[in-house]
Amino acid sequence: MRIQELDREGLCGFVFKSHSPSCGLRPVNVYTRAGEPYGISPGIFAGEIITAFPSLPVEDEGRLRDASIRKNFIERVRIVQQHDVRKYRNPYPLLRHWLLATSAEPGLRNHS
């Protein structure tokens, strides 16, 4: 599926595969075609999604094992779904306001 086609799907959040060369959200090892280490970078597909959908809540699957990170991610997804924040160029001040206003836990913050 092309990135442009994903826009029609009404995505409210995206979970990426840990340590994947294509989907790793956090920097992953990058290798040349010959298998030599080249450097580190976010996965290619993950980078394209983040660029195409800058207001979309994203998270690494490994980090979702942590209950507070998982809860925060779900709340951000819920806010995007309810308030259609994808239309805002920089929605994070709004997301933070809505999270703090709706959260029973004062320490809940954006972890992505």
Foldseek 3Di string as FASTA:
>chain_A
DDLVVVVVVLQLAEEFEDQDQAGHLPWHFDADPVRHTDGTDGHNNNVVNCVVQVLHHYYYPVVCVDPLQVVLSVLSSVCCVVPVQSVPPDCVVVSQVVCCVPDPDNPRDRDD
